[in-house]
Amino acid sequence: MLMRKTQEKEIKILTDLEKKFAELFVENYFSQDSKTNTEIAKLSGYAPDSAYQRGYENTTYRIKPHVVERIEELKEDFRIRNQITPEKHMARLNHLGRKAETENMIGVAVNAEVHRGKMAGYYVEKKLIASQSLDELSEDQLEEKLKKIEEQYDLIVNEKELDDKRK
């Protein structure tokens, strides 16, 4: 692999296969198709036997940062060229929703409207992840937790005891 040195760092030059992979990856990213990284690697010209590994490597920054950076550059270039903005995105959703409504596809129209609302910030998804470590629990809370575990697994314990007695 060729490298060009700059004052700050070494810059790795992409191989032809890496360039092709990055282009196909971004094309797939913005298309209706949904190809796997393995399929993209095969289409890029990598050997079928190693395509899975090459797909993984080419999308892992720690392994091939120069390929991942090229992918991000191509994504940004696509966004700029196609002028994807929140306003245009909302307008497109509105257009699709109206068209679906005229076609009597109410479910599709509602879905487009919900996505417009999410874009506008009207819907806020809240996810609560309740996890406390055992160290943070009081003694009473620990005892309660143990009781629930005993109740939950009581049937399993009793079944095991019955099996032991049968033998």
Protein backbone atom coordinates (compact mmCIF):
# COMPACT_ATOMS: atom_id res chain seq x y z
CA MET A 1 0.00 0.00 0.00
CA LEU A 2 1.35 3.40 -0.97
CA MET A 3 1.72 6.07 1.66
CA ARG A 4 2.30 9.76 1.29
CA LYS A 5 3.94 11.56 4.20
CA THR A 6 2.79 14.95 5.34
CA GLN A 7 4.10 16.98 8.23
CA GLU A 8 1.23 15.85 10.48
CA LYS A 9 0.81 12.18 9.61
CA GLU A 10 1.08 9.50 7.00
CA ILE A 11 -1.80 9.46 4.56
CA LYS A 12 -2.65 6.07 3.13
CA ILE A 13 -3.54 6.07 -0.54
CA LEU A 14 -6.65 4.06 -1.32
CA THR A 15 -6.32 1.03 -3.55
CA ASP A 16 -8.60 0.70 -6.56
CA LEU A 17 -10.65 -1.91 -4.69
CA GLU A 18 -11.00 0.37 -1.64
CA LYS A 19 -12.08 3.29 -3.86
CA LYS A 20 -14.68 1.12 -5.59
CA PHE A 21 -15.91 -0.22 -2.23
CA ALA A 22 -16.33 3.32 -0.83
CA GLU A 23 -18.26 4.45 -3.93
CA LEU A 24 -20.57 1.43 -3.91
CA PHE A 25 -21.05 1.68 -0.14
CA VAL A 26 -22.25 5.29 -0.40
CA GLU A 27 -24.38 4.51 -3.45
CA ASN A 28 -26.05 1.73 -1.44
CA TYR A 29 -26.36 3.99 1.63
CA PHE A 30 -28.51 6.51 -0.24
CA SER A 31 -30.42 4.06 -2.45
CA GLN A 32 -33.56 2.00 -1.96
CA ASP A 33 -31.46 -1.17 -2.16
CA SER A 34 -30.10 -2.76 0.93
CA LYS A 35 -26.90 -4.62 0.20
CA THR A 36 -24.68 -6.06 2.90
CA ASN A 37 -21.05 -5.04 3.25
CA THR A 38 -20.12 -8.51 1.96
CA GLU A 39 -22.18 -8.01 -1.20
CA ILE A 40 -20.63 -4.59 -1.71
CA ALA A 41 -17.14 -6.07 -1.28
CA LYS A 42 -17.89 -8.73 -3.90
CA LEU A 43 -19.22 -6.09 -6.32
CA SER A 44 -16.05 -4.07 -5.69
CA GLY A 45 -13.92 -6.93 -6.92
CA TYR A 46 -12.81 -8.59 -3.69
CA ALA A 47 -12.57 -12.39 -3.75
CA PRO A 48 -15.82 -14.04 -2.60
CA ASP A 49 -13.90 -16.05 0.02
CA SER A 50 -12.62 -12.90 1.73
CA ALA A 51 -15.48 -10.50 0.93
CA TYR A 52 -17.03 -10.70 4.41
CA GLN A 53 -13.70 -9.82 6.04
CA ARG A 54 -12.96 -7.00 3.56
CA GLY A 55 -16.43 -5.54 4.08
CA TYR A 56 -15.81 -5.50 7.83
CA GLU A 57 -12.33 -4.02 7.53
CA ASN A 58 -13.38 -1.31 5.07
CA THR A 59 -16.09 -0.07 7.44
CA THR A 60 -14.07 -0.24 10.67
CA TYR A 61 -12.21 2.99 11.43
CA ARG A 62 -9.72 1.31 13.74
CA ILE A 63 -8.57 -1.00 10.93
CA LYS A 64 -8.87 1.17 7.81
CA PRO A 65 -9.43 4.79 8.79
CA HIS A 66 -8.54 6.02 5.31
CA VAL A 67 -11.42 4.02 3.75
CA VAL A 68 -13.94 5.10 6.39
CA GLU A 69 -12.88 8.74 5.96
CA ARG A 70 -13.35 8.41 2.18
CA ILE A 71 -16.83 6.97 2.74
CA GLU A 72 -17.73 9.95 4.96
CA GLU A 73 -16.34 12.39 2.35
CA LEU A 74 -18.47 10.78 -0.35
CA LYS A 75 -21.58 10.90 1.87
CA GLU A 76 -21.06 14.60 2.56
CA ASP A 77 -20.42 15.25 -1.13
CA PHE A 78 -23.69 13.48 -1.98
CA ARG A 79 -25.60 15.56 0.57
CA ILE A 80 -24.18 18.80 -0.81
CA ARG A 81 -24.69 17.83 -4.48
CA ASN A 82 -28.29 16.81 -3.84
CA GLN A 83 -28.95 19.65 -1.41
CA ILE A 84 -30.54 17.48 1.24
CA THR A 85 -31.83 19.85 3.89
CA PRO A 86 -34.40 19.41 6.66
CA GLU A 87 -36.78 21.75 4.80
CA LYS A 88 -36.53 19.79 1.57
CA HIS A 89 -36.88 16.56 3.44
CA MET A 90 -40.07 17.77 5.14
CA ALA A 91 -41.43 19.06 1.84
CA ARG A 92 -40.77 15.69 0.23
CA LEU A 93 -42.53 13.86 3.06
CA ASN A 94 -45.46 16.27 2.67
CA HIS A 95 -45.61 15.60 -1.07
CA LEU A 96 -45.51 11.83 -0.58
CA GLY A 97 -48.13 12.01 2.17
CA ARG A 98 -50.51 14.05 -0.02
CA LYS A 99 -49.99 11.70 -2.95
CA ALA A 100 -50.66 8.66 -0.75
CA GLU A 101 -53.80 10.36 0.55
CA THR A 102 -55.15 10.95 -2.96
CA GLU A 103 -54.47 7.28 -3.73
CA ASN A 104 -56.51 6.34 -0.61
CA MET A 105 -53.40 4.91 1.06
CA ILE A 106 -54.23 6.28 4.49
CA GLY A 107 -51.63 4.21 6.38
CA VAL A 108 -48.83 5.49 4.17
CA ALA A 109 -50.11 9.07 4.45
CA VAL A 110 -50.23 8.83 8.25
CA ASN A 111 -46.73 7.39 8.32
CA ALA A 112 -45.40 10.28 6.20
CA GLU A 113 -47.16 12.76 8.48
CA VAL A 114 -45.67 11.15 11.61
CA HIS A 115 -42.21 11.40 10.08
CA ARG A 116 -42.81 15.06 9.24
CA GLY A 117 -43.82 15.62 12.86
CA LYS A 118 -40.66 13.91 14.09
CA MET A 119 -38.57 16.10 11.78
CA ALA A 120 -40.30 19.19 13.16
CA GLY A 121 -39.66 18.04 16.72
CA TYR A 122 -43.31 17.46 17.67
CA TYR A 123 -42.63 13.91 18.76
CA VAL A 124 -40.04 13.17 21.37
CA GLU A 125 -39.06 9.58 21.94
CA LYS A 126 -38.23 8.97 25.53
CA LYS A 127 -36.47 5.84 26.59
CA LEU A 128 -35.93 5.16 30.23
CA ILE A 129 -33.26 2.69 31.08
CA ALA A 130 -33.63 1.80 34.71
CA SER A 131 -30.61 -0.01 35.95
CA GLN A 132 -29.20 0.27 39.38
CA SER A 133 -26.17 -1.58 40.52
CA LEU A 134 -26.59 -3.73 43.60
CA ASP A 135 -24.24 -1.40 45.47
CA GLU A 136 -26.76 1.43 45.13
CA LEU A 137 -29.65 -0.54 46.65
CA SER A 138 -30.61 -0.37 50.32
CA GLU A 139 -30.78 -3.54 52.41
CA ASP A 140 -34.59 -3.58 52.17
CA GLN A 141 -34.44 -3.16 48.38
CA LEU A 142 -31.92 -6.01 48.14
CA GLU A 143 -34.16 -8.31 50.18
CA GLU A 144 -37.16 -7.42 48.02
CA LYS A 145 -35.16 -8.13 44.88
CA LEU A 146 -34.07 -11.51 46.28
CA LYS A 147 -37.67 -12.42 47.11
CA LYS A 148 -38.77 -11.62 43.56
CA ILE A 149 -35.95 -13.73 42.15
CA GLU A 150 -36.87 -16.62 44.46
CA GLU A 151 -40.52 -16.40 43.38
CA GLN A 152 -39.57 -16.19 39.73
CA TYR A 153 -37.27 -19.21 39.86
CA ASP A 154 -39.14 -21.20 42.50
CA LEU A 155 -40.79 -23.44 39.94
CA ILE A 156 -37.41 -24.25 38.40
CA VAL A 157 -35.88 -25.01 41.81
CA ASN A 158 -38.81 -27.27 42.76
CA GLU A 159 -38.63 -29.09 39.42
CA LYS A 160 -34.92 -29.70 39.96
CA GLU A 161 -35.53 -31.02 43.47
CA LEU A 162 -38.20 -33.37 42.12
CA ASP A 163 -35.83 -34.65 39.45
CA ASP A 164 -33.14 -35.28 42.09
CA LYS A 165 -35.63 -37.21 44.25
CA ARG A 166 -36.76 -39.32 41.29
CA LYS A 167 -33.21 -40.53 40.66
